[in-house]
């Protein structure tokens, strides 16, 4: 089995504040990212690697979350920035076969589309919430019945949970 944690970056400063790639997290974003990391630690959602878009807000999101997770190796991948679902699938398929749990930290609309297309079954309540929206700092945890990341495909994932800011206790 392989587990993928699809993690949208936390809330960033407005678009007019900086070029898109260089937008930083705002105060709420820093807090939400740290809370997401604490949730991951409490729930034992411990990735073996974090695949992170090189944009400032995604790097800051992972840096804040990782404070609660220990020393997770990070791989910045430029394919994640402005990616569509097919691009994100290619990134995941390139993950080292030794990795059992990976986190991917990126942007909408690609992350929401990617999560929806990966899931074929699982928690119906979580799926309906995920389809309704994939807000900043949201996470979809998807399990795959495969032995190698190269085997991951759309429609085969089982949605274990969907967590958005303020919903971790749901």
C-alpha atoms as a PDB file:
ATOM      1  CA  UNK A   1       0.000   0.000   0.000  1.00  0.00           C
ATOM      2  CA  UNK A   2       1.039   3.587  -0.656  1.00  0.00           C
ATOM      3  CA  UNK A   3      -0.404   6.656   1.068  1.00  0.00           C
ATOM      4  CA  UNK A   4      -0.497  10.145  -0.431  1.00  0.00           C
ATOM      5  CA  UNK A   5      -1.237  13.273   1.583  1.00  0.00           C
ATOM      6  CA  UNK A   6      -2.455  15.948  -0.839  1.00  0.00           C
ATOM      7  CA  UNK A   7      -1.875  19.247   0.966  1.00  0.00           C
ATOM      8  CA  UNK A   8      -2.893  22.620  -0.465  1.00  0.00           C
ATOM      9  CA  UNK A   9      -0.694  25.525   0.640  1.00  0.00           C
ATOM     10  CA  UNK A  10      -1.901  27.742   3.484  1.00  0.00           C
ATOM     11  CA  UNK A  11      -3.463  31.199   3.085  1.00  0.00           C
ATOM     12  CA  UNK A  12      -1.161  33.682   1.345  1.00  0.00           C
ATOM     13  CA  UNK A  13      -0.993  37.451   0.971  1.00  0.00           C
ATOM     14  CA  UNK A  14      -3.212  38.922  -1.784  1.00  0.00           C
ATOM     15  CA  UNK A  15      -2.260  38.620  -5.456  1.00  0.00           C
ATOM     16  CA  UNK A  16      -1.419  42.326  -5.740  1.00  0.00           C
ATOM     17  CA  UNK A  17       1.123  42.118  -2.888  1.00  0.00           C
ATOM     18  CA  UNK A  18       3.799  40.255  -4.879  1.00  0.00           C
ATOM     19  CA  UNK A  19       4.332  38.251  -8.069  1.00  0.00           C
ATOM     20  CA  UNK A  20       2.413  34.977  -7.733  1.00  0.00           C
ATOM     21  CA  UNK A  21       5.483  32.760  -7.317  1.00  0.00           C
ATOM     22  CA  UNK A  22       6.825  35.012  -4.531  1.00  0.00           C
ATOM     23  CA  UNK A  23       3.636  35.392  -2.486  1.00  0.00           C
ATOM     24  CA  UNK A  24       4.260  34.644   1.194  1.00  0.00           C
ATOM     25  CA  UNK A  25       1.879  33.222   3.757  1.00  0.00           C
ATOM     26  CA  UNK A  26      -0.170  35.714   5.708  1.00  0.00           C
ATOM     27  CA  UNK A  27      -0.579  35.543   9.493  1.00  0.00           C
ATOM     28  CA  UNK A  28      -3.534  33.163   9.275  1.00  0.00           C
ATOM     29  CA  UNK A  29      -1.599  30.990   6.821  1.00  0.00           C
ATOM     30  CA  UNK A  30       1.331  30.572   9.196  1.00  0.00           C
ATOM     31  CA  UNK A  31      -1.058  29.522  11.970  1.00  0.00           C
ATOM     32  CA  UNK A  32      -3.058  27.143   9.776  1.00  0.00           C
ATOM     33  CA  UNK A  33       0.082  25.486   8.390  1.00  0.00           C
ATOM     34  CA  UNK A  34       1.445  24.923  11.895  1.00  0.00           C
ATOM     35  CA  UNK A  35      -1.930  23.525  13.017  1.00  0.00           C
ATOM     36  CA  UNK A  36      -1.953  21.185  10.015  1.00  0.00           C
ATOM     37  CA  UNK A  37       1.452  19.876  11.021  1.00  0.00           C
ATOM     38  CA  UNK A  38       0.294  19.270  14.586  1.00  0.00           C
ATOM     39  CA  UNK A  39      -2.762  17.420  13.276  1.00  0.00           C
ATOM     40  CA  UNK A  40      -0.563  15.263  11.053  1.00  0.00           C
ATOM     41  CA  UNK A  41       1.691  14.410  14.002  1.00  0.00           C
ATOM     42  CA  UNK A  42      -1.247  13.603  16.314  1.00  0.00           C
ATOM     43  CA  UNK A  43      -2.868  11.402  13.658  1.00  0.00           C
ATOM     44  CA  UNK A  44       0.414   9.688  12.720  1.00  0.00           C
ATOM     45  CA  UNK A  45       0.259  11.035   9.160  1.00  0.00           C
ATOM     46  CA  UNK A  46       4.022  10.988   8.872  1.00  0.00           C
ATOM     47  CA  UNK A  47       5.341  11.235   5.330  1.00  0.00           C
ATOM     48  CA  UNK A  48       8.640   9.686   4.319  1.00  0.00           C
ATOM     49  CA  UNK A  49       9.099  12.560   1.859  1.00  0.00           C
ATOM     50  CA  UNK A  50       7.462  15.907   1.101  1.00  0.00           C
ATOM     51  CA  UNK A  51       7.145  16.846  -2.570  1.00  0.00           C
ATOM     52  CA  UNK A  52       6.843  20.626  -2.548  1.00  0.00           C
ATOM     53  CA  UNK A  53       6.240  23.269  -5.188  1.00  0.00           C
ATOM     54  CA  UNK A  54       9.141  25.754  -5.188  1.00  0.00           C
ATOM     55  CA  UNK A  55       6.839  28.774  -4.710  1.00  0.00           C
ATOM     56  CA  UNK A  56       7.383  30.729  -1.497  1.00  0.00           C
ATOM     57  CA  UNK A  57       3.953  30.012   0.011  1.00  0.00           C
ATOM     58  CA  UNK A  58       4.221  26.238  -0.487  1.00  0.00           C
ATOM     59  CA  UNK A  59       7.724  26.126   0.970  1.00  0.00           C
ATOM     60  CA  UNK A  60       6.560  28.183   3.966  1.00  0.00           C
ATOM     61  CA  UNK A  61       3.513  25.938   4.393  1.00  0.00           C
ATOM     62  CA  UNK A  62       5.677  22.834   4.592  1.00  0.00           C
ATOM     63  CA  UNK A  63       8.281  24.508   6.828  1.00  0.00           C
ATOM     64  CA  UNK A  64       5.566  25.411   9.348  1.00  0.00           C
ATOM     65  CA  UNK A  65       3.877  21.999   9.207  1.00  0.00           C
ATOM     66  CA  UNK A  66       7.191  20.146   9.441  1.00  0.00           C
ATOM     67  CA  UNK A  67       8.011  21.721  12.807  1.00  0.00           C
ATOM     68  CA  UNK A  68       5.643  19.166  14.342  1.00  0.00           C
ATOM     69  CA  UNK A  69       6.809  16.266  12.189  1.00  0.00           C
ATOM     70  CA  UNK A  70      10.530  16.010  12.637  1.00  0.00           C
ATOM     71  CA  UNK A  71      13.082  15.726   9.883  1.00  0.00           C
ATOM     72  CA  UNK A  72      11.107  14.793   6.756  1.00  0.00           C
ATOM     73  CA  UNK A  73      13.166  14.915   3.550  1.00  0.00           C
ATOM     74  CA  UNK A  74      11.903  17.608   1.165  1.00  0.00           C
ATOM     75  CA  UNK A  75      12.070  17.526  -2.620  1.00  0.00           C
ATOM     76  CA  UNK A  76      11.152  20.732  -4.396  1.00  0.00           C
ATOM     77  CA  UNK A  77       9.679  19.944  -7.789  1.00  0.00           C
ATOM     78  CA  UNK A  78       8.948  22.774 -10.245  1.00  0.00           C
ATOM     79  CA  UNK A  79       6.369  20.569 -11.997  1.00  0.00           C
ATOM     80  CA  UNK A  80       4.033  21.078  -9.023  1.00  0.00           C
ATOM     81  CA  UNK A  81       3.738  24.851  -9.554  1.00  0.00           C
ATOM     82  CA  UNK A  82       0.692  25.659 -11.748  1.00  0.00           C
ATOM     83  CA  UNK A  83       0.268  21.908 -12.346  1.00  0.00           C
ATOM     84  CA  UNK A  84      -2.763  20.125 -13.689  1.00  0.00           C
ATOM     85  CA  UNK A  85      -3.839  16.704 -12.429  1.00  0.00           C
ATOM     86  CA  UNK A  86      -1.812  14.821 -15.060  1.00  0.00           C
ATOM     87  CA  UNK A  87       1.342  16.747 -14.104  1.00  0.00           C
ATOM     88  CA  UNK A  88       0.841  15.928 -10.432  1.00  0.00           C
ATOM     89  CA  UNK A  89       0.299  12.258 -11.253  1.00  0.00           C
ATOM     90  CA  UNK A  90       3.652  12.260 -13.082  1.00  0.00           C
ATOM     91  CA  UNK A  91       5.355  13.761 -10.009  1.00  0.00           C
ATOM     92  CA  UNK A  92       3.837  11.111  -7.744  1.00  0.00           C
ATOM     93  CA  UNK A  93       4.775   8.290 -10.114  1.00  0.00           C
ATOM     94  CA  UNK A  94       8.399   9.459  -9.963  1.00  0.00           C
ATOM     95  CA  UNK A  95       8.509   8.983  -6.179  1.00  0.00           C
ATOM     96  CA  UNK A  96      11.169   6.599  -4.891  1.00  0.00           C
ATOM     97  CA  UNK A  97       9.643   3.098  -4.536  1.00  0.00           C
ATOM     98  CA  UNK A  98      11.051   2.844  -0.991  1.00  0.00           C
ATOM     99  CA  UNK A  99       8.711   5.677   0.093  1.00  0.00           C
ATOM    100  CA  UNK A 100       5.462   4.367   1.578  1.00  0.00           C
ATOM    101  CA  UNK A 101       3.861   7.691   2.537  1.00  0.00           C
ATOM    102  CA  UNK A 102       4.386  10.912   0.599  1.00  0.00           C
ATOM    103  CA  UNK A 103       2.997  14.411   1.029  1.00  0.00           C
ATOM    104  CA  UNK A 104       2.573  16.671  -1.982  1.00  0.00           C
ATOM    105  CA  UNK A 105       2.220  20.399  -1.290  1.00  0.00           C
ATOM    106  CA  UNK A 106       0.855  22.524  -4.100  1.00  0.00           C
ATOM    107  CA  UNK A 107      -1.771  24.839  -5.508  1.00  0.00           C
ATOM    108  CA  UNK A 108      -5.341  24.982  -6.708  1.00  0.00           C
ATOM    109  CA  UNK A 109      -7.023  24.362  -9.014  1.00  0.00           C
ATOM    110  CA  UNK A 110      -4.644  21.479  -9.727  1.00  0.00           C
ATOM    111  CA  UNK A 111      -4.616  19.974  -6.236  1.00  0.00           C
ATOM    112  CA  UNK A 112      -8.423  19.823  -5.979  1.00  0.00           C
ATOM    113  CA  UNK A 113      -8.783  18.282  -9.427  1.00  0.00           C
ATOM    114  CA  UNK A 114      -5.955  15.818  -8.702  1.00  0.00           C
ATOM    115  CA  UNK A 115      -7.542  14.662  -5.446  1.00  0.00           C
ATOM    116  CA  UNK A 116     -11.003  14.260  -6.999  1.00  0.00           C
ATOM    117  CA  UNK A 117      -9.654  12.271  -9.945  1.00  0.00           C
ATOM    118  CA  UNK A 118      -7.507   9.962  -7.804  1.00  0.00           C
ATOM    119  CA  UNK A 119     -10.332   8.882  -5.513  1.00  0.00           C
ATOM    120  CA  UNK A 120     -12.449   5.927  -6.594  1.00  0.00           C
ATOM    121  CA  UNK A 121     -13.937   5.042  -3.213  1.00  0.00           C
ATOM    122  CA  UNK A 122     -13.632   5.681   0.506  1.00  0.00           C
ATOM    123  CA  UNK A 123     -15.250   7.868   3.126  1.00  0.00           C
ATOM    124  CA  UNK A 124     -18.379   9.296   1.438  1.00  0.00           C
ATOM    125  CA  UNK A 125     -18.773  12.186   3.860  1.00  0.00           C
ATOM    126  CA  UNK A 126     -15.146  13.194   3.351  1.00  0.00           C
ATOM    127  CA  UNK A 127     -15.553  12.883  -0.422  1.00  0.00           C
ATOM    128  CA  UNK A 128     -18.631  15.136  -0.483  1.00  0.00           C
ATOM    129  CA  UNK A 129     -16.780  17.745   1.601  1.00  0.00           C
ATOM    130  CA  UNK A 130     -13.748  17.534  -0.675  1.00  0.00           C
ATOM    131  CA  UNK A 131     -15.900  17.958  -3.805  1.00  0.00           C
ATOM    132  CA  UNK A 132     -17.537  21.023  -2.243  1.00  0.00           C
ATOM    133  CA  UNK A 133     -14.173  22.782  -2.035  1.00  0.00           C
ATOM    134  CA  UNK A 134     -10.470  22.366  -1.354  1.00  0.00           C
ATOM    135  CA  UNK A 135      -9.590  25.452   0.719  1.00  0.00           C
ATOM    136  CA  UNK A 136      -6.135  26.606   1.710  1.00  0.00           C
ATOM    137  CA  UNK A 137      -4.460  24.246   4.207  1.00  0.00           C
ATOM    138  CA  UNK A 138      -6.828  21.416   3.274  1.00  0.00           C
ATOM    139  CA  UNK A 139      -5.504  17.852   3.155  1.00  0.00           C
ATOM    140  CA  UNK A 140      -6.835  14.762   1.422  1.00  0.00           C
ATOM    141  CA  UNK A 141      -5.329  11.471   2.580  1.00  0.00           C
ATOM    142  CA  UNK A 142      -5.574   8.861  -0.170  1.00  0.00           C
ATOM    143  CA  UNK A 143      -4.482   5.215   0.020  1.00  0.00           C
ATOM    144  CA  UNK A 144      -3.550   3.092  -3.003  1.00  0.00           C
ATOM    145  CA  UNK A 145      -3.476  -0.722  -3.192  1.00  0.00           C
ATOM    146  CA  UNK A 146      -0.139  -0.748  -5.023  1.00  0.00           C
ATOM    147  CA  UNK A 147       3.458  -1.684  -4.267  1.00  0.00           C
ATOM    148  CA  UNK A 148       5.091   1.014  -6.382  1.00  0.00           C
ATOM    149  CA  UNK A 149       4.244   4.660  -7.032  1.00  0.00           C
ATOM    150  CA  UNK A 150       4.478   4.012 -10.781  1.00  0.00           C
ATOM    151  CA  UNK A 151       1.268   1.973 -10.432  1.00  0.00           C
ATOM    152  CA  UNK A 152      -0.802   4.854  -8.995  1.00  0.00           C
ATOM    153  CA  UNK A 153      -3.617   5.919 -11.306  1.00  0.00           C
ATOM    154  CA  UNK A 154      -6.785   7.971 -11.382  1.00  0.00           C
ATOM    155  CA  UNK A 155      -9.844   6.351  -9.837  1.00  0.00           C
ATOM    156  CA  UNK A 156      -7.996   3.730  -7.799  1.00  0.00           C
ATOM    157  CA  UNK A 157      -7.432   5.645  -4.566  1.00  0.00           C
ATOM    158  CA  UNK A 158      -9.404   5.215  -1.356  1.00  0.00           C
ATOM    159  CA  UNK A 159     -10.105   8.490   0.438  1.00  0.00           C
ATOM    160  CA  UNK A 160      -9.197   7.937   4.082  1.00  0.00           C
ATOM    161  CA  UNK A 161     -10.071  11.473   5.165  1.00  0.00           C
ATOM    162  CA  UNK A 162     -10.382  15.081   4.098  1.00  0.00           C
ATOM    163  CA  UNK A 163      -9.369  17.747   6.589  1.00  0.00           C
ATOM    164  CA  UNK A 164      -9.729  21.500   6.199  1.00  0.00           C
ATOM    165  CA  UNK A 165      -8.860  24.255   8.693  1.00  0.00           C
ATOM    166  CA  UNK A 166     -11.290  24.130  11.587  1.00  0.00           C
ATOM    167  CA  UNK A 167     -12.495  20.619  10.714  1.00  0.00           C
ATOM    168  CA  UNK A 168      -9.758  18.504  12.293  1.00  0.00           C
ATOM    169  CA  UNK A 169     -12.080  17.614  15.156  1.00  0.00           C
ATOM    170  CA  UNK A 170     -14.929  16.527  12.844  1.00  0.00           C
END
